[in-house]
Amino acid sequence: MYVQSIESMTINLKVMSSTSTAAHRQIQIIPSVLPADWANMGQCVKDLESAGVDRIQFDVMDGNFVPNLTFGPEMISACRKYCNVPFETQLMVSQYNCETMLEAYVNASKGPNNEPGVVIAHVEANVHLHRILGRIRQLGGSPSVALNPHTPMEMVKDVLDMVDHVLVMTVNPGFGGQAYIPTMINKIKDLRKIIIENNYDIDIEVDGGIKADWTISQCCAAGANCFIAGSGMFAYPSLKEGCDALRKVAKDAQNGNTLEKS
């Protein structure tokens, strides 16, 4: 009985330690460039760097997986010379386009000194998810996976040992400016719980309807630490104001001061 008690205490301490680490993972503010002036994208990424963002996300859409068309790898690569901020590419594309264009997007996402860029594959679009994630790592990227709102968290359990980030979509992908879906909070909580229990070193991202209010606050309290904001950041008089406001509310939530839904 005494030995079992010691073992139980050890396990509990391990989980508590992991929980503490998860609760204080670095807050990262990641603007999506969907609301930007696409004709001046170079200046936009330069301004975002000056605003103090942690990464810049390019939402790649092919008109198949989602009903919209956005950025090719050439556009992303062309932006690299304007800033040193890490890039993140979310591949909202069909399995065929993901497989055939993967190398180009991994390369386009890399940093100024060839550092790995975050490349996000959607679980819904990729039947051979292990293969895609493994290939991202092999090509020099940071493999990550995304879940649409209707997709259960269990769909990514078997690839968590392969990824650096999990993106929980809090809107249905394809268009900016949509309203946040509050029921995603439980998915974030369940995901963070599994990450802690298995001692995975994984950031949780959220994307969709995130603003410097209860949305980012409650997502952070649930276990997310990376926040993608489009209109929720670009709506401010300056990008720096938007970035600072998002970061402050998230940090407050991380320290226990969570905003209630208004």
Protein backbone atom coordinates (compact mmCIF):
# COMPACT_ATOMS: atom_id res chain seq x y z
CA MET A 1 0.00 0.00 0.00
CA TYR A 2 2.82 2.38 0.90
CA VAL A 3 4.62 1.74 -2.41
CA GLN A 4 1.42 2.31 -4.35
CA SER A 5 0.90 5.58 -2.52
CA ILE A 6 4.41 6.77 -3.43
CA GLU A 7 3.85 5.81 -7.07
CA SER A 8 0.54 7.64 -7.08
CA MET A 9 2.20 10.74 -5.64
CA THR A 10 4.92 10.57 -8.28
CA ILE A 11 2.38 10.36 -11.09
CA ASN A 12 0.37 13.24 -9.63
CA LEU A 13 3.47 15.40 -9.29
CA LYS A 14 4.42 14.61 -12.88
CA VAL A 15 0.98 15.66 -14.15
CA MET A 16 1.02 18.79 -11.97
CA SER A 17 4.44 19.71 -13.34
CA SER A 18 3.27 19.18 -16.90
CA THR A 19 0.12 21.20 -16.23
CA SER A 20 2.18 24.06 -14.88
CA THR A 21 4.42 23.95 -17.95
CA ALA A 22 1.40 23.91 -20.26
CA ALA A 23 -0.24 26.77 -18.40
CA HIS A 24 2.80 28.94 -18.96
CA ARG A 25 3.72 28.08 -22.53
CA GLN A 26 4.80 31.15 -24.43
CA ILE A 27 1.92 33.23 -25.76
CA GLN A 28 2.26 33.68 -29.51
CA ILE A 29 0.28 36.18 -31.57
CA ILE A 30 0.04 35.09 -35.20
CA PRO A 31 -1.76 37.36 -37.66
CA SER A 32 -3.42 35.93 -40.73
CA VAL A 33 -2.73 38.07 -43.79
CA LEU A 34 -6.18 37.42 -45.31
CA PRO A 35 -7.41 40.95 -44.37
CA ALA A 36 -4.21 42.58 -45.66
CA ASP A 37 -3.79 44.62 -48.84
CA TRP A 38 -2.59 41.83 -51.12
CA ALA A 39 -1.20 44.32 -53.62
CA ASN A 40 1.24 45.49 -50.93
CA MET A 41 1.97 42.23 -49.13
CA GLY A 42 5.68 42.95 -48.74
CA GLN A 43 4.98 46.14 -46.82
CA CYS A 44 2.30 44.34 -44.82
CA VAL A 45 4.65 41.65 -43.48
CA LYS A 46 7.22 44.34 -42.72
CA ASP A 47 4.61 46.26 -40.72
CA LEU A 48 3.56 43.09 -38.89
CA GLU A 49 7.15 42.46 -37.86
CA SER A 50 7.36 46.02 -36.51
CA ALA A 51 4.14 45.40 -34.58
CA GLY A 52 5.86 42.62 -32.62
CA VAL A 53 4.05 39.52 -33.89
CA ASP A 54 5.52 36.07 -33.27
CA ARG A 55 4.69 34.48 -36.63
CA ILE A 56 2.77 35.35 -39.78
CA GLN A 57 0.20 32.94 -41.18
CA PHE A 58 -0.56 32.43 -44.84
CA ASP A 59 -3.92 30.75 -45.40
CA VAL A 60 -3.45 28.62 -48.51
CA MET A 61 -6.76 27.80 -50.22
CA ASP A 62 -7.17 25.91 -53.50
CA GLY A 63 -10.89 26.22 -54.26
CA ASN A 64 -11.35 22.50 -53.57
CA PHE A 65 -11.02 21.91 -49.85
CA VAL A 66 -12.53 25.36 -49.26
CA PRO A 67 -14.43 27.57 -51.74
CA ASN A 68 -11.77 30.22 -52.13
CA LEU A 69 -8.37 30.80 -53.76
CA THR A 70 -5.43 32.52 -52.09
CA PHE A 71 -1.65 32.19 -52.02
CA GLY A 72 0.77 30.15 -54.06
CA PRO A 73 4.26 29.34 -52.75
CA GLU A 74 5.77 32.05 -54.96
CA MET A 75 3.80 34.75 -53.13
CA ILE A 76 4.94 33.46 -49.74
CA SER A 77 8.56 33.20 -50.88
CA ALA A 78 8.43 36.75 -52.26
CA CYS A 79 7.44 38.06 -48.81
CA ARG A 80 10.47 36.54 -47.11
CA LYS A 81 12.88 39.30 -48.16
CA TYR A 82 10.74 41.91 -46.39
CA CYS A 83 10.93 40.50 -42.85
CA ASN A 84 12.64 38.00 -40.55
CA VAL A 85 9.51 36.87 -38.67
CA PRO A 86 8.80 33.12 -38.92
CA PHE A 87 6.13 32.09 -41.39
CA GLU A 88 3.31 29.62 -40.95
CA THR A 89 1.42 28.03 -43.84
CA GLN A 90 -2.00 26.48 -43.33
CA LEU A 91 -2.72 24.12 -46.22
CA MET A 92 -6.48 24.26 -46.75
CA VAL A 93 -6.13 22.23 -49.92
CA SER A 94 -7.12 18.85 -51.34
CA GLN A 95 -4.99 15.78 -50.67
CA TYR A 96 -3.72 15.85 -54.26
CA ASN A 97 -2.60 19.47 -54.03
CA CYS A 98 -1.12 18.90 -50.58
CA GLU A 99 0.99 16.00 -51.80
CA THR A 100 2.09 17.55 -55.10
CA MET A 101 2.79 21.07 -53.77
CA LEU A 102 4.09 20.17 -50.32
CA GLU A 103 7.79 20.66 -50.98
CA ALA A 104 7.21 24.10 -52.51
CA TYR A 105 5.18 25.25 -49.51
CA VAL A 106 7.62 23.83 -46.97
CA ASN A 107 10.45 25.70 -48.68
CA ALA A 108 8.42 28.91 -48.96
CA SER A 109 7.65 28.76 -45.23
CA LYS A 110 11.28 28.56 -44.10
CA GLY A 111 13.00 31.39 -42.26
CA PRO A 112 15.68 33.76 -43.59
CA ASN A 113 18.40 31.30 -42.53
CA ASN A 114 16.47 28.24 -43.67
CA GLU A 115 14.87 27.67 -40.26
CA PRO A 116 11.84 25.35 -40.29
CA GLY A 117 8.56 27.12 -40.92
CA VAL A 118 5.30 25.81 -39.49
CA VAL A 119 3.35 23.85 -42.12
CA ILE A 120 -0.17 22.79 -41.15
CA ALA A 121 -1.99 19.91 -42.82
CA HIS A 122 -5.73 19.39 -42.34
CA VAL A 123 -6.75 15.99 -41.00
CA GLU A 124 -9.94 16.10 -43.11
CA ALA A 125 -8.05 16.48 -46.40
CA ASN A 126 -5.34 13.87 -45.88
CA VAL A 127 -6.09 10.16 -45.79
CA HIS A 128 -2.40 9.38 -45.30
CA LEU A 129 -1.77 11.90 -42.53
CA HIS A 130 1.29 10.14 -41.09
CA ARG A 131 2.95 10.25 -44.49
CA ILE A 132 2.25 13.96 -45.00
CA LEU A 133 3.49 14.96 -41.54
CA GLY A 134 6.59 12.81 -41.85
CA ARG A 135 7.36 14.36 -45.21
CA ILE A 136 7.02 17.89 -43.84
CA ARG A 137 9.67 17.05 -41.22
CA GLN A 138 11.87 15.35 -43.80
CA LEU A 139 11.71 18.42 -46.05
CA GLY A 140 12.82 20.68 -43.22
CA GLY A 141 9.49 22.02 -41.98
CA SER A 142 7.73 22.00 -38.62
CA PRO A 143 4.84 19.52 -39.04
CA SER A 144 1.50 20.54 -37.61
CA VAL A 145 -2.10 19.42 -37.96
CA ALA A 146 -5.45 21.22 -38.06
CA LEU A 147 -8.97 20.18 -37.06
CA ASN A 148 -12.16 21.70 -38.44
CA PRO A 149 -14.91 22.51 -35.92
CA HIS A 150 -16.95 19.36 -36.62
CA THR A 151 -13.92 17.03 -36.47
CA PRO A 152 -13.48 15.20 -33.14
CA MET A 153 -10.21 15.61 -31.31
CA GLU A 154 -9.69 11.83 -31.41
CA MET A 155 -8.84 12.13 -35.12
CA VAL A 156 -5.36 13.45 -34.27
CA LYS A 157 -4.52 11.31 -31.22
CA ASP A 158 -2.40 8.91 -33.25
CA VAL A 159 -0.24 11.64 -34.82
CA LEU A 160 0.47 13.76 -31.75
CA ASP A 161 3.92 12.21 -31.44
CA MET A 162 4.75 13.61 -34.91
CA VAL A 163 3.65 17.25 -34.62
CA ASP A 164 4.84 20.51 -33.08
CA HIS A 165 1.47 22.26 -33.18
CA VAL A 166 -2.21 21.36 -33.28
CA LEU A 167 -4.54 23.98 -34.73
CA VAL A 168 -8.14 23.95 -33.51
CA MET A 169 -10.33 25.80 -36.00
CA THR A 170 -12.89 27.93 -34.17
CA VAL A 171 -14.71 28.77 -37.42
CA ASN A 172 -15.28 26.78 -40.58
CA PRO A 173 -12.31 27.54 -42.85
CA GLY A 174 -12.43 29.42 -46.13
CA PHE A 175 -13.29 33.02 -45.32
CA GLY A 176 -12.16 35.66 -42.85
CA GLY A 177 -14.38 37.63 -40.50
CA GLN A 178 -16.54 34.74 -39.27
CA ALA A 179 -17.99 34.46 -35.77
CA TYR A 180 -16.15 32.37 -33.18
CA ILE A 181 -17.72 28.99 -32.26
CA PRO A 182 -17.71 28.79 -28.42
CA THR A 183 -18.17 25.01 -28.21
CA MET A 184 -14.57 24.50 -29.35
CA ILE A 185 -13.44 25.22 -25.78
CA ASN A 186 -14.02 21.61 -24.71
CA LYS A 187 -11.97 20.35 -27.64
CA ILE A 188 -9.07 22.57 -26.58
CA LYS A 189 -9.34 21.32 -22.98
CA ASP A 190 -9.44 17.67 -24.04
CA LEU A 191 -6.49 18.15 -26.35
CA ARG A 192 -4.36 19.86 -23.70
CA LYS A 193 -5.22 17.06 -21.25
CA ILE A 194 -3.92 14.39 -23.65
CA ILE A 195 -0.80 16.43 -24.37
CA ILE A 196 -0.07 16.73 -20.64
CA GLU A 197 -0.76 13.06 -19.92
CA ASN A 198 1.71 12.01 -22.62
CA ASN A 199 4.30 14.73 -21.94
CA TYR A 200 4.17 15.95 -25.52
CA ASP A 201 5.84 19.26 -26.33
CA ILE A 202 3.02 20.68 -28.44
CA ASP A 203 1.58 24.16 -28.86
CA ILE A 204 -2.17 24.50 -29.33
CA GLU A 205 -3.25 27.11 -31.86
CA VAL A 206 -6.73 28.50 -32.36
CA ASP A 207 -7.95 30.22 -35.51
CA GLY A 208 -11.24 31.93 -36.22
CA GLY A 209 -13.08 34.87 -34.69
CA ILE A 210 -10.29 35.51 -32.18
CA LYS A 211 -10.34 39.01 -30.69
CA ALA A 212 -8.86 40.78 -27.66
CA ASP A 213 -11.89 39.84 -25.56
CA TRP A 214 -13.45 36.73 -23.99
CA THR A 215 -12.66 34.67 -27.12
CA ILE A 216 -8.88 34.73 -26.75
CA SER A 217 -9.21 34.76 -22.95
CA GLN A 218 -11.25 31.58 -22.71
CA CYS A 219 -9.20 29.77 -25.36
CA CYS A 220 -6.05 30.56 -23.38
CA ALA A 221 -7.62 29.41 -20.11
CA ALA A 222 -8.61 26.15 -21.83
CA GLY A 223 -5.00 25.43 -22.82
CA ALA A 224 -4.25 27.20 -26.11
CA ASN A 225 -1.18 29.41 -26.36
CA CYS A 226 -0.97 30.39 -30.05
CA PHE A 227 -3.62 32.74 -31.38
CA ILE A 228 -4.30 33.47 -35.03
CA ALA A 229 -6.12 36.72 -35.63
CA GLY A 230 -7.12 38.35 -38.88
CA SER A 231 -9.77 41.03 -38.65
CA GLY A 232 -9.41 40.87 -34.85
CA MET A 233 -5.98 42.48 -35.25
CA PHE A 234 -6.28 44.47 -38.47
CA ALA A 235 -9.35 46.34 -37.13
CA TYR A 236 -7.19 48.36 -34.73
CA PRO A 237 -5.88 51.83 -35.65
CA SER A 238 -2.40 50.29 -35.72
CA LEU A 239 -1.16 46.71 -35.99
CA LYS A 240 0.94 47.19 -32.85
CA GLU A 241 -2.14 48.18 -30.86
CA GLY A 242 -3.91 45.06 -32.08
CA CYS A 243 -0.97 42.79 -31.28
CA ASP A 244 -0.47 44.30 -27.83
CA ALA A 245 -4.17 44.07 -26.97
CA LEU A 246 -4.39 40.39 -27.96
CA ARG A 247 -1.23 39.52 -26.04
CA LYS A 248 -2.35 41.34 -22.89
CA VAL A 249 -5.72 39.58 -22.67
CA ALA A 250 -4.07 36.20 -23.32
CA LYS A 251 -1.39 36.76 -20.68
CA ASP A 252 -4.01 37.88 -18.18
CA ALA A 253 -5.94 34.65 -18.80
CA GLN A 254 -2.78 32.62 -18.42
CA ASN A 255 -2.36 34.23 -15.01
CA GLY A 256 -5.90 33.34 -13.97
CA ASN A 257 -7.78 36.50 -14.96
CA THR A 258 -10.24 35.08 -17.50
CA LEU A 259 -12.90 37.21 -19.17
CA GLU A 260 -16.47 35.94 -19.25
CA LYS A 261 -18.47 35.76 -22.47
CA SER A 262 -20.06 39.15 -23.10
